[in-house]
Each structure stands twice: as structure tokens, then as C-alpha cells.
Protein backbone atom coordinates (compact mmCIF):
# COMPACT_ATOMS: atom_id res chain seq x y z
CA MET A 1 29.54 196.70 -79.80
CA PRO A 2 30.67 195.69 -76.32
CA GLY A 3 32.93 192.66 -76.27
CA PRO A 4 32.98 189.85 -73.75
CA THR A 5 35.35 189.99 -70.84
CA LEU A 6 38.46 187.90 -70.71
CA GLY A 7 37.00 185.79 -68.00
CA ALA A 8 33.88 184.94 -69.90
CA THR A 9 34.78 181.34 -70.49
CA GLY A 10 37.43 180.72 -67.90
CA ASP A 11 37.52 179.45 -64.36
CA GLN A 12 38.24 182.93 -63.06
CA SER A 13 36.71 186.25 -64.03
CA SER A 14 38.26 189.47 -65.13
CA ASP A 15 37.30 192.74 -66.71
CA ALA A 16 38.16 193.44 -70.33
CA SER A 17 40.95 195.79 -69.42
CA GLY A 18 42.28 193.70 -66.58
CA ALA A 19 44.41 190.62 -66.41
CA ALA A 20 43.83 187.89 -68.88
CA THR A 21 42.74 185.12 -66.56
CA SER A 22 41.08 182.40 -68.57
CA GLU A 23 43.04 179.15 -68.25
CA THR A 24 40.65 177.23 -70.44
CA ALA A 25 41.77 174.64 -72.95
CA PRO A 26 41.20 175.29 -76.63
CA THR A 27 37.67 176.28 -77.61
CA ASP A 28 38.09 174.87 -81.11
CA PRO A 29 34.82 173.13 -82.03
CA LEU A 30 36.55 171.11 -84.73
CA GLY A 31 38.83 168.95 -82.66
CA GLY A 32 41.00 170.64 -80.03
CA ALA A 33 44.48 172.05 -80.19
CA PRO A 34 46.42 172.35 -83.44
CA SER A 35 48.98 169.66 -84.28
CA ARG A 36 52.68 170.42 -84.01
CA GLY A 37 52.85 170.69 -87.77
CA ALA A 38 50.01 173.19 -87.75
CA VAL A 39 51.71 175.23 -85.02
CA VAL A 40 54.90 175.36 -87.11
CA VAL A 41 52.94 176.48 -90.18
CA LEU A 42 51.01 179.09 -88.17
CA GLY A 43 54.28 180.32 -86.70
CA GLY A 44 55.72 180.55 -90.19
CA LEU A 45 52.72 182.52 -91.38
CA ALA A 46 53.00 184.86 -88.40
CA ALA A 47 56.72 185.21 -89.15
CA LEU A 48 56.17 186.02 -92.80
CA GLY A 49 55.96 189.76 -92.17
CA PRO A 50 59.27 190.15 -90.32
CA LEU A 51 60.94 187.60 -92.59
CA THR A 52 59.80 189.45 -95.71
CA THR A 53 61.14 192.69 -94.28
CA ASP A 54 64.27 191.61 -92.44
CA LEU A 55 65.90 189.17 -94.85
CA TYR A 56 66.74 191.91 -97.33
CA LEU A 57 67.56 194.67 -94.85
CA PRO A 58 71.35 194.05 -94.96
CA ALA A 59 71.14 194.32 -98.76
CA LEU A 60 69.21 197.60 -98.76
CA PRO A 61 72.28 199.82 -99.30
CA ALA A 62 73.49 197.54 -102.13
CA LEU A 63 70.01 197.52 -103.66
CA THR A 64 69.95 201.31 -103.50
CA SER A 65 73.25 201.55 -105.35
CA ASP A 66 72.46 198.84 -107.90
CA LEU A 67 69.18 200.45 -108.96
CA GLY A 68 70.61 203.99 -108.92
CA SER A 69 68.30 205.20 -106.17
CA THR A 70 68.52 207.15 -102.91
CA ALA A 71 68.14 205.76 -99.38
CA ALA A 72 64.78 207.48 -98.88
CA THR A 73 63.44 206.18 -102.22
CA ALA A 74 64.70 202.65 -101.57
CA GLN A 75 62.90 202.68 -98.22
CA LEU A 76 59.68 203.11 -100.21
CA THR A 77 60.04 199.43 -101.07
CA LEU A 78 59.28 198.87 -97.38
CA THR A 79 56.42 201.37 -97.53
CA GLY A 80 54.93 199.56 -100.54
CA SER A 81 55.07 196.27 -98.68
CA MET A 82 53.38 197.81 -95.65
CA PHE A 83 50.56 199.33 -97.71
CA GLY A 84 50.04 195.96 -99.37
CA MET A 85 49.87 194.20 -96.02
CA ALA A 86 47.42 196.78 -94.69
CA ALA A 87 45.09 196.46 -97.69
CA GLY A 88 45.45 192.69 -97.79
CA GLN A 89 44.38 192.26 -94.20
CA LEU A 90 41.23 194.29 -94.80
CA LEU A 91 40.53 191.99 -97.74
CA PHE A 92 41.47 188.58 -96.36
CA GLY A 93 40.28 189.08 -92.76
CA PRO A 94 36.59 189.61 -93.58
CA LEU A 95 36.80 187.01 -96.38
CA SER A 96 38.01 184.44 -93.86
CA ASP A 97 34.99 185.23 -91.65
CA ARG A 98 32.71 184.44 -94.61
CA LEU A 99 34.49 181.61 -96.44
CA GLY A 100 36.46 179.94 -93.68
CA ARG A 101 40.17 180.30 -92.99
CA ARG A 102 41.73 177.92 -95.52
CA PRO A 103 40.54 179.16 -98.97
CA PRO A 104 41.62 182.82 -98.53
CA LEU A 105 44.88 181.67 -96.96
CA LEU A 106 45.85 179.46 -99.89
CA VAL A 107 44.97 182.14 -102.45
CA GLY A 108 46.93 184.78 -100.55
CA MET A 109 50.02 182.61 -100.22
CA ALA A 110 49.99 181.85 -103.96
CA ILE A 111 49.86 185.60 -104.68
CA TYR A 112 52.75 186.17 -102.25
CA THR A 113 54.95 183.57 -103.94
CA LEU A 114 54.35 184.87 -107.46
CA ALA A 115 54.86 188.52 -106.42
CA THR A 116 58.16 187.63 -104.77
CA VAL A 117 59.39 186.23 -108.07
CA VAL A 118 58.48 189.59 -109.67
CA CYS A 119 60.58 191.36 -107.00
CA ALA A 120 63.56 189.13 -107.75
CA LEU A 121 63.37 190.08 -111.44
CA ALA A 122 62.65 193.82 -110.98
CA GLY A 123 64.89 196.13 -113.00
CA SER A 124 63.83 199.41 -111.43
CA VAL A 125 62.74 200.80 -108.08
CA PRO A 126 59.14 201.56 -109.21
CA LEU A 127 58.69 197.95 -110.39
CA LEU A 128 60.20 196.67 -107.16
CA ILE A 129 57.85 198.87 -105.12
CA ALA A 130 54.88 197.49 -107.09
CA GLY A 131 56.08 193.94 -106.58
CA ARG A 132 56.56 194.54 -102.87
CA ALA A 133 53.03 195.95 -102.58
CA LEU A 134 51.60 192.83 -104.24
CA GLN A 135 53.85 190.66 -102.10
CA GLY A 136 52.51 192.38 -98.98
CA LEU A 137 48.92 191.98 -100.19
CA GLY A 138 49.32 188.21 -100.51
CA GLY A 139 51.40 187.78 -97.37
CA ALA A 140 48.73 189.60 -95.37
CA ALA A 141 46.53 186.52 -95.65
CA GLY A 142 48.99 184.55 -93.53
CA LEU A 143 49.34 187.29 -90.94
CA VAL A 144 45.64 187.98 -90.43
CA ILE A 145 44.46 184.38 -90.60
CA ALA A 146 47.12 183.11 -88.17
CA ARG A 147 45.70 185.52 -85.54
CA ALA A 148 42.11 184.61 -86.43
CA VAL A 149 42.85 180.89 -86.04
CA ALA A 150 44.27 181.59 -82.57
CA ARG A 151 41.04 183.41 -81.67
CA ASP A 152 38.95 180.54 -83.08
CA ARG A 153 40.65 178.01 -80.84
CA TYR A 154 41.53 179.76 -77.58
CA GLU A 155 40.31 182.16 -74.88
CA GLY A 156 42.00 184.44 -72.36
CA VAL A 157 45.40 183.37 -70.99
CA ALA A 158 45.24 180.24 -73.13
CA MET A 159 45.14 182.48 -76.20
CA ILE A 160 48.05 184.61 -75.00
CA ARG A 161 50.06 181.47 -74.24
CA PHE A 162 49.32 180.06 -77.68
CA MET A 163 50.46 183.35 -79.20
CA ALA A 164 53.62 183.00 -77.12
CA THR A 165 54.08 179.50 -78.56
CA LEU A 166 53.74 180.96 -82.04
CA GLY A 167 56.22 183.58 -80.94
CA VAL A 168 58.87 180.90 -80.38
CA VAL A 169 58.56 179.93 -84.04
CA SER A 170 57.91 183.37 -85.52
CA GLY A 171 60.44 185.00 -83.21
CA LEU A 172 63.24 183.15 -84.94
CA ALA A 173 62.54 185.18 -88.09
CA PRO A 174 63.82 188.59 -86.93
CA ILE A 175 66.81 186.89 -85.26
CA LEU A 176 67.87 184.70 -88.17
CA ALA A 177 66.67 186.75 -91.15
CA PRO A 178 69.26 189.57 -91.07
CA VAL A 179 72.03 187.08 -90.28
CA LEU A 180 70.96 184.86 -93.16
CA GLY A 181 70.48 187.90 -95.38
CA ALA A 182 74.01 189.09 -94.64
CA GLN A 183 75.41 185.63 -95.38
CA LEU A 184 73.41 185.41 -98.61
CA LEU A 185 75.25 188.52 -99.78
CA HIS A 186 78.45 186.45 -99.76
CA LEU A 187 76.84 184.03 -102.22
CA THR A 188 74.53 186.20 -104.28
CA ASN A 189 73.18 189.74 -104.62
CA TRP A 190 70.00 191.32 -103.28
CA ARG A 191 67.94 189.46 -105.89
CA GLY A 192 68.94 186.20 -104.26
CA THR A 193 67.16 187.24 -101.07
CA PHE A 194 63.90 187.44 -102.98
CA VAL A 195 64.51 184.04 -104.54
CA ALA A 196 64.88 182.69 -100.99
CA LEU A 197 61.62 184.39 -99.96
CA ALA A 198 59.84 182.86 -102.96
CA LEU A 199 60.95 179.42 -101.79
CA VAL A 200 59.66 180.19 -98.28
CA GLY A 201 56.32 181.27 -99.76
CA ALA A 202 56.04 178.06 -101.77
CA LEU A 203 56.81 175.93 -98.69
CA LEU A 204 54.26 177.76 -96.54
CA THR A 205 51.63 177.41 -99.26
CA LEU A 206 52.25 173.66 -99.36
CA GLY A 207 52.33 173.42 -95.57
CA SER A 208 49.06 175.34 -95.24
CA ALA A 209 47.39 172.97 -97.70
CA LEU A 210 48.62 169.85 -95.92
CA ALA A 211 48.77 170.70 -92.19
CA LEU A 212 46.05 173.26 -91.41
CA ARG A 213 42.53 172.12 -90.70
CA GLU A 214 39.63 174.52 -91.02
CA SER A 215 39.05 176.23 -87.64
CA LEU A 216 35.85 178.15 -88.46
CA PRO A 217 32.83 175.85 -88.85
CA PRO A 218 30.08 176.84 -91.32
CA GLU A 219 27.59 177.76 -88.58
CA ARG A 220 29.95 180.46 -87.27
CA ARG A 221 30.63 182.09 -90.64
CA HIS A 222 29.13 185.38 -91.81
CA THR A 223 26.85 184.55 -94.72
CA ASP A 224 24.80 187.71 -95.26
CA GLY A 225 27.17 189.55 -97.58
CA ILE A 226 29.29 192.67 -97.43
CA GLY A 227 26.74 194.44 -95.25
CA SER A 228 27.48 192.22 -92.27
CA THR A 229 31.20 192.82 -92.71
CA VAL A 230 30.71 196.58 -92.76
CA ARG A 231 28.48 196.39 -89.70
CA ALA A 232 30.99 194.19 -87.87
CA ILE A 233 33.85 196.59 -88.61
CA GLY A 234 31.70 199.59 -87.69
CA GLY A 235 30.69 197.93 -84.44
CA LEU A 236 34.30 197.21 -83.54
CA LEU A 237 35.42 200.76 -84.29
CA GLY A 238 32.49 202.07 -82.25
CA ASP A 239 33.66 200.14 -79.19
CA ARG A 240 35.80 202.59 -77.25
CA HIS A 241 37.89 199.90 -75.55
CA PHE A 242 38.57 197.98 -78.78
CA LEU A 243 39.52 201.25 -80.49
CA GLY A 244 41.87 202.05 -77.62
CA TYR A 245 43.67 198.73 -77.88
CA LEU A 246 43.72 199.04 -81.68
CA LEU A 247 45.35 202.49 -81.61
CA THR A 248 47.77 201.47 -78.86
CA SER A 249 48.91 198.51 -80.92
CA THR A 250 49.08 200.67 -84.06
CA PHE A 251 51.38 203.32 -82.63
CA ALA A 252 53.46 200.75 -80.75
CA PHE A 253 54.08 198.98 -84.05
CA GLY A 254 55.02 202.33 -85.57
CA ALA A 255 57.79 202.67 -82.99
CA LEU A 256 58.92 199.14 -83.75
CA PHE A 257 58.85 199.53 -87.51
CA VAL A 258 60.76 202.79 -87.76
CA TYR A 259 63.57 200.84 -86.13
CA VAL A 260 63.12 197.85 -88.47
CA SER A 261 62.97 200.00 -91.61
CA GLY A 262 65.56 202.58 -90.68
CA SER A 263 68.16 200.67 -88.69
CA SER A 264 69.96 199.22 -91.72
CA SER A 265 70.59 202.60 -93.37
CA VAL A 266 71.15 204.42 -90.05
CA LEU A 267 73.58 201.97 -88.48
CA GLN A 268 75.49 201.13 -91.66
CA GLY A 269 75.44 204.72 -92.91
CA GLU A 270 75.88 206.86 -89.81
CA TYR A 271 78.08 204.45 -87.85
CA ALA A 272 79.82 202.79 -90.84
CA ILE A 273 79.33 199.21 -89.65
CA SER A 274 79.43 196.22 -92.01
CA PRO A 275 76.36 194.18 -93.07
CA GLN A 276 77.62 191.35 -90.84
CA MET A 277 77.97 193.65 -87.81
CA TYR A 278 74.54 195.07 -88.53
CA SER A 279 73.08 191.56 -88.58
CA LEU A 280 74.64 190.95 -85.15
CA VAL A 281 73.09 194.13 -83.71
CA PHE A 282 69.72 193.29 -85.22
CA ALA A 283 69.82 189.67 -84.04
CA THR A 284 70.76 190.72 -80.49
CA ASN A 285 67.84 193.11 -80.33
CA SER A 286 65.55 190.44 -81.72
CA VAL A 287 66.57 188.15 -78.86
CA ALA A 288 65.17 190.85 -76.57
CA VAL A 289 61.72 190.77 -78.17
CA VAL A 290 61.59 186.96 -78.25
CA GLY A 291 62.71 186.69 -74.63
CA SER A 292 60.24 189.28 -73.37
CA THR A 293 57.43 187.70 -75.41
CA GLN A 294 58.08 184.34 -73.77
CA LEU A 295 58.41 185.91 -70.32
CA ASN A 296 55.11 187.68 -70.88
CA GLY A 297 53.23 184.63 -72.16
CA ARG A 298 54.55 182.09 -69.68
CA LEU A 299 54.94 184.08 -66.46
CA LEU A 300 53.89 187.74 -66.40
CA VAL A 301 50.28 187.20 -67.54
CA ARG A 302 49.82 184.90 -64.53
CA LYS A 303 51.31 187.34 -62.05
CA LEU A 304 50.32 190.81 -63.21
CA PRO A 305 47.07 192.39 -64.48
CA ALA A 306 46.92 193.42 -68.11
CA PRO A 307 46.90 197.21 -67.36
CA THR A 308 50.18 196.82 -65.46
CA LEU A 309 51.75 194.92 -68.33
CA MET A 310 50.49 197.44 -70.88
CA LEU A 311 51.86 200.38 -68.90
CA LEU A 312 55.15 198.55 -68.35
CA GLY A 313 55.56 198.11 -72.10
CA LEU A 314 54.56 201.71 -72.83
CA CYS A 315 57.00 203.10 -70.27
CA GLY A 316 59.78 200.96 -71.70
CA ALA A 317 59.12 202.14 -75.26
CA GLY A 318 58.97 205.79 -74.19
CA THR A 319 62.19 205.45 -72.21
CA ALA A 320 63.91 203.85 -75.20
CA GLY A 321 62.82 206.66 -77.51
CA ALA A 322 64.01 209.32 -75.09
CA ALA A 323 67.34 207.50 -74.64
CA ILE A 324 67.95 207.39 -78.42
CA VAL A 325 67.23 211.12 -78.70
CA LEU A 326 69.58 211.94 -75.80
CA THR A 327 72.43 209.65 -76.85
CA THR A 328 72.39 210.96 -80.44
CA GLY A 329 71.19 214.56 -80.19
CA VAL A 330 72.73 215.61 -76.88
CA TRP A 331 75.61 213.34 -75.85
CA ASN A 332 76.65 211.82 -79.23
CA LEU A 333 77.60 208.46 -77.71
CA GLY A 334 77.55 206.61 -81.02
CA LEU A 335 76.60 202.95 -81.40
CA PRO A 336 77.45 202.04 -77.75
CA GLY A 337 74.78 204.51 -76.63
CA VAL A 338 72.13 203.65 -79.22
CA TRP A 339 72.38 199.85 -79.06
CA PRO A 340 71.13 199.42 -75.43
CA ALA A 341 68.24 201.80 -76.12
CA LEU A 342 67.20 199.75 -79.16
CA PHE A 343 67.45 196.60 -77.03
CA LEU A 344 65.07 198.15 -74.47
CA LEU A 345 62.67 199.15 -77.24
CA MET A 346 62.48 195.61 -78.59
CA ALA A 347 62.07 194.12 -75.11
CA SER A 348 59.17 196.49 -74.46
CA MET A 349 57.49 195.47 -77.72
CA GLY A 350 57.51 191.83 -76.61
CA ILE A 351 55.25 192.78 -73.70
CA LEU A 352 53.17 195.54 -75.23
CA VAL A 353 52.16 194.15 -78.62
CA PRO A 354 50.94 190.64 -77.59
CA ASN A 355 48.86 192.03 -74.72
CA SER A 356 47.23 194.81 -76.73
CA ASN A 357 46.43 192.42 -79.60
CA ALA A 358 45.06 189.73 -77.30
CA GLN A 359 42.89 192.22 -75.40
CA ALA A 360 41.46 193.55 -78.67
CA LEU A 361 40.80 190.08 -80.14
CA THR A 362 39.10 188.91 -76.95
CA MET A 363 36.46 191.57 -77.50
CA ALA A 364 35.52 190.19 -80.93
CA PRO A 365 34.72 186.46 -80.61
CA HIS A 366 32.23 186.50 -83.52
CA ALA A 367 34.31 188.65 -85.88
CA ALA A 368 37.87 187.52 -85.24
CA GLY A 369 38.84 187.87 -88.90
CA SER A 370 37.55 191.44 -89.11
CA ALA A 371 39.12 192.37 -85.78
CA SER A 372 42.43 190.85 -86.82
CA ALA A 373 42.21 192.71 -90.12
CA LEU A 374 41.68 196.04 -88.34
CA ILE A 375 44.65 195.39 -86.07
CA GLY A 376 46.85 194.46 -89.00
CA THR A 377 45.65 197.30 -91.21
CA GLY A 378 46.24 199.90 -88.52
CA THR A 379 49.70 198.68 -87.67
CA PHE A 380 50.89 198.34 -91.25
CA LEU A 381 49.44 201.69 -92.35
CA CYS A 382 51.35 203.30 -89.51
CA ALA A 383 54.43 201.33 -90.53
CA ALA A 384 54.08 202.54 -94.12
CA VAL A 385 53.99 206.16 -92.94
CA VAL A 386 56.97 205.93 -90.57
CA ALA A 387 59.20 203.73 -92.80
CA PRO A 388 60.98 206.60 -94.64
CA LEU A 389 61.05 209.06 -91.72
CA SER A 390 64.50 208.15 -90.39
CA SER A 391 65.87 209.44 -93.73
CA ALA A 392 63.47 212.38 -94.07
CA GLY A 393 66.31 214.90 -93.99
CA GLY A 394 67.92 213.40 -97.08
CA ARG A 395 70.27 211.05 -95.23
CA PRO A 396 69.81 208.38 -92.53
CA SER A 397 69.65 209.88 -89.04
CA ALA A 398 69.68 208.10 -85.67
CA LEU A 399 68.28 211.26 -84.08
CA LEU A 400 65.25 211.24 -86.40
CA LEU A 401 64.75 207.55 -85.68
CA GLY A 402 64.69 208.31 -81.95
CA VAL A 403 62.25 211.20 -82.37
CA VAL A 404 59.81 208.97 -84.26
CA VAL A 405 60.12 206.16 -81.68
CA LEU A 406 59.44 208.63 -78.85
CA GLY A 407 56.51 210.23 -80.68
CA CYS A 408 54.87 206.86 -81.40
CA ALA A 409 55.34 205.76 -77.78
CA VAL A 410 53.70 208.95 -76.50
CA LEU A 411 50.74 208.57 -78.88
CA ALA A 412 50.28 204.92 -77.88
CA THR A 413 50.28 205.87 -74.20
CA VAL A 414 47.74 208.67 -74.69
CA CYS A 415 45.40 206.37 -76.63
CA TYR A 416 45.61 203.62 -74.02
CA VAL A 417 45.10 205.86 -71.00
CA THR A 418 42.25 207.92 -72.49
CA LEU A 419 40.28 205.22 -74.34
CA CYS A 420 40.90 202.05 -72.34
CA SER A 421 40.66 203.70 -68.90
CA PRO A 422 42.98 201.11 -67.33
CA TRP A 423 42.26 202.30 -63.79
CA ARG A 424 38.55 201.50 -64.14
CA LYS A 425 36.90 198.13 -64.06
CA LYS A 426 34.71 197.48 -67.07
CA GLU A 427 31.47 195.73 -66.26
CA PRO A 428 30.87 192.48 -68.17
CA ALA A 429 28.69 192.85 -71.27
């Protein structure tokens, strides 16, 4: 199912694998750009994934000890959340194409809030894993629908810039969450972090009900049942370029998430740093991804073609993975050697992930929910697989973390180069 080119509605033209060049205003048929309140809510929904993960990362060692578990088993609470988010996006994405964006969003956020309460009360690791899976399932509605709303309203560069605007809001989550999580440990235990997340879920549910207008009018909804959804997904997966961007984004997110899931145990375990020091390291690296996301959305997309930006991000991620392997497995430089490499990894993600997602979504104007669901499902399934790998040897290992980052970066590069053919111009559909 060939998708439209990025320049299809803009003042300039471009191929689907080239620079995003549309400078058009919002394409929203229901009344233009979102209000500031709606942007804040959409940013909060987009931030729900990293917030759900990162707030309790400083407490992961304490959680492991309190529930009498091992580091590898405790990391399965992250895996459960990722599987839930993957399944939830496949559920809520197509539903939002059929029913509109608001009803599935409100149901999903209610599920998220209730499941988070279950996590706060869990008395065992298996129950916590189950609660995290249900939490991820509900939270997936916010993640997938926030992207679909952006596709409903914008085209080309305008869409990337809007995603960058969301990134200002959502980017605060990975910066503030571990810092807040570490400070919460002075006031409460790991259960308190889930109480805080339940309050966030309740606020976002209320905000979604009050601030978000429906962005998908009835005439653009899929009304012919599950068959149309299956055909839409099949058509997307049959499009070589969409598949290339999908797999590139998937493996890039794998490199990102092995850091997110493993850094707490690795840095606090292998390098014996405190939860507060860990929150500082994590926050500093999060500044890198927020800064590069803003640089990408506000400057680089105007100056450089998309293939150049994609390759720049891929090279940065590969270099970061190789640097972690060398500084831990060959030179043993400790935290001073690993920290800059992690900073480079996060900066690369701020360029690579928004561009690959935007390119993929641009190719699916009539199935934005399904396309967003495939992107989210792929990334979170990969995240679920890589989450425990940094402790695969029985104890947290910075070397293993680096090997996984490097492997994911190589796979992402191979998928992009072979399937997206960035050196070739794709003819408009």
C-alpha cells in the first residue's frame, strides 16, 4: 500500500524517504490547531510511557530486596509493562480509527489508573508483573492516540514540529521522573511511586475528558469491521518503505530501552552509586534527548534531508554502543567512560526516533491509528525482549548493556539501508 509523499500537501515537494518539507498549517478538519491545554494533555499522554518506567527506576533495587527477588526477575516488571503497552497499542490504535480518538482514550486511561493502584498494593513479584502488564495495556491508549491525533492534524514538517512541541512537555518526564523518584524514596517506599503514578493517571483521564476535542470526524473513520483493520495493517506491513521505518524505529527503541531498563541496576550495582547520583546521571542523559529532539524539530529538518538525519542518528547510536563495549570490556574506565557514551546514545535517539516515526506515519494518512499501533507494538515488543538482557549473566553488567545497544543499532541500520533505500528517490504514489 504505497503511502503519499511528505510533500503531498505542502508548498514544496519531497520523496517519502527524503526531507520532510511540508510547511502547511494543521490539516485538522475540526477546527485547527489544538489548544494549549490540549497540547499539555497530549504531551502528558506521550510522556506516560517514560514516566511509568522512570519514576520507579531508582527504587528498583529496593523493590527487589523488599519482595525477595533477584535483579533479573525484578526487571520482568518492566518486561510486563512493555508487553502490555505493545498489546494495548494493537487494541486501541485500530479502535481509535473506528470509534474516534476520545472513547478508547478515556477507557484506556481508566484502566491505567486502576491497574496502577493494583501495583501499589502488590505483595509479590508475580502480582506486580501482572499489574504492570495491565497498567501498560491501559497506558498504551495514551501513547498510540497522541501520535494518531498528531497525524490527524498535521502534515510533513508541521507534524514533526508539533511532535517536537509535544517533546518539550513529554521530554520533562525522563528528566524529572528519576529525580522525583529518588526524592520520593526519602518520604516513602517503592509503593509510594505507584501511588504517585495513579494520581497522574487520574489527572490525565480528567484532562483528556475536558481538554481534548475529537480529531477524527465520522466520515474518516473505518466502519466496515475488523476486516478493514486487518487489511489496513496488512497493507502497511506490505509497504517496503513503511516496514523499513517501522523496523528502524523498533530496533532504535530497543537500544534506548536496554539503557532505560538496565541503567538503574547496572550503575547502582556495578559502580555503587546512590539513587540520588543515579537520578543525576539519568537526568543529564535525558537533557541530551530533549535537546536533540528540539534541535531536530526546529532546525535540522529545515536544513537537512531526512536520510541524512536518519543516518546521523544511526551512526551516533552505533558509536555509543561501541564506546560502551570498549570502555567496559577493554579499557575498564568505569562511570567516567560510560556516562559520555550514554549521553551520545540519548542525543542520537532524539534525532532518530522522531524522524523514523514521522516518516512512517506520513505514509498512512487514512490509517494513522493502525500505523501508530504498529510502531508502538514493534518498539515495545523489542523493549520487552531487551529489558532483562543487561542482567542476563545473573548480575547487572555494563558490558552486556553495551553489547545490546550496539546490536540494536546495527540491526536498525541494516533495516533502514536495505528497506528504505535512502539513496534512491521514491516516486510519488
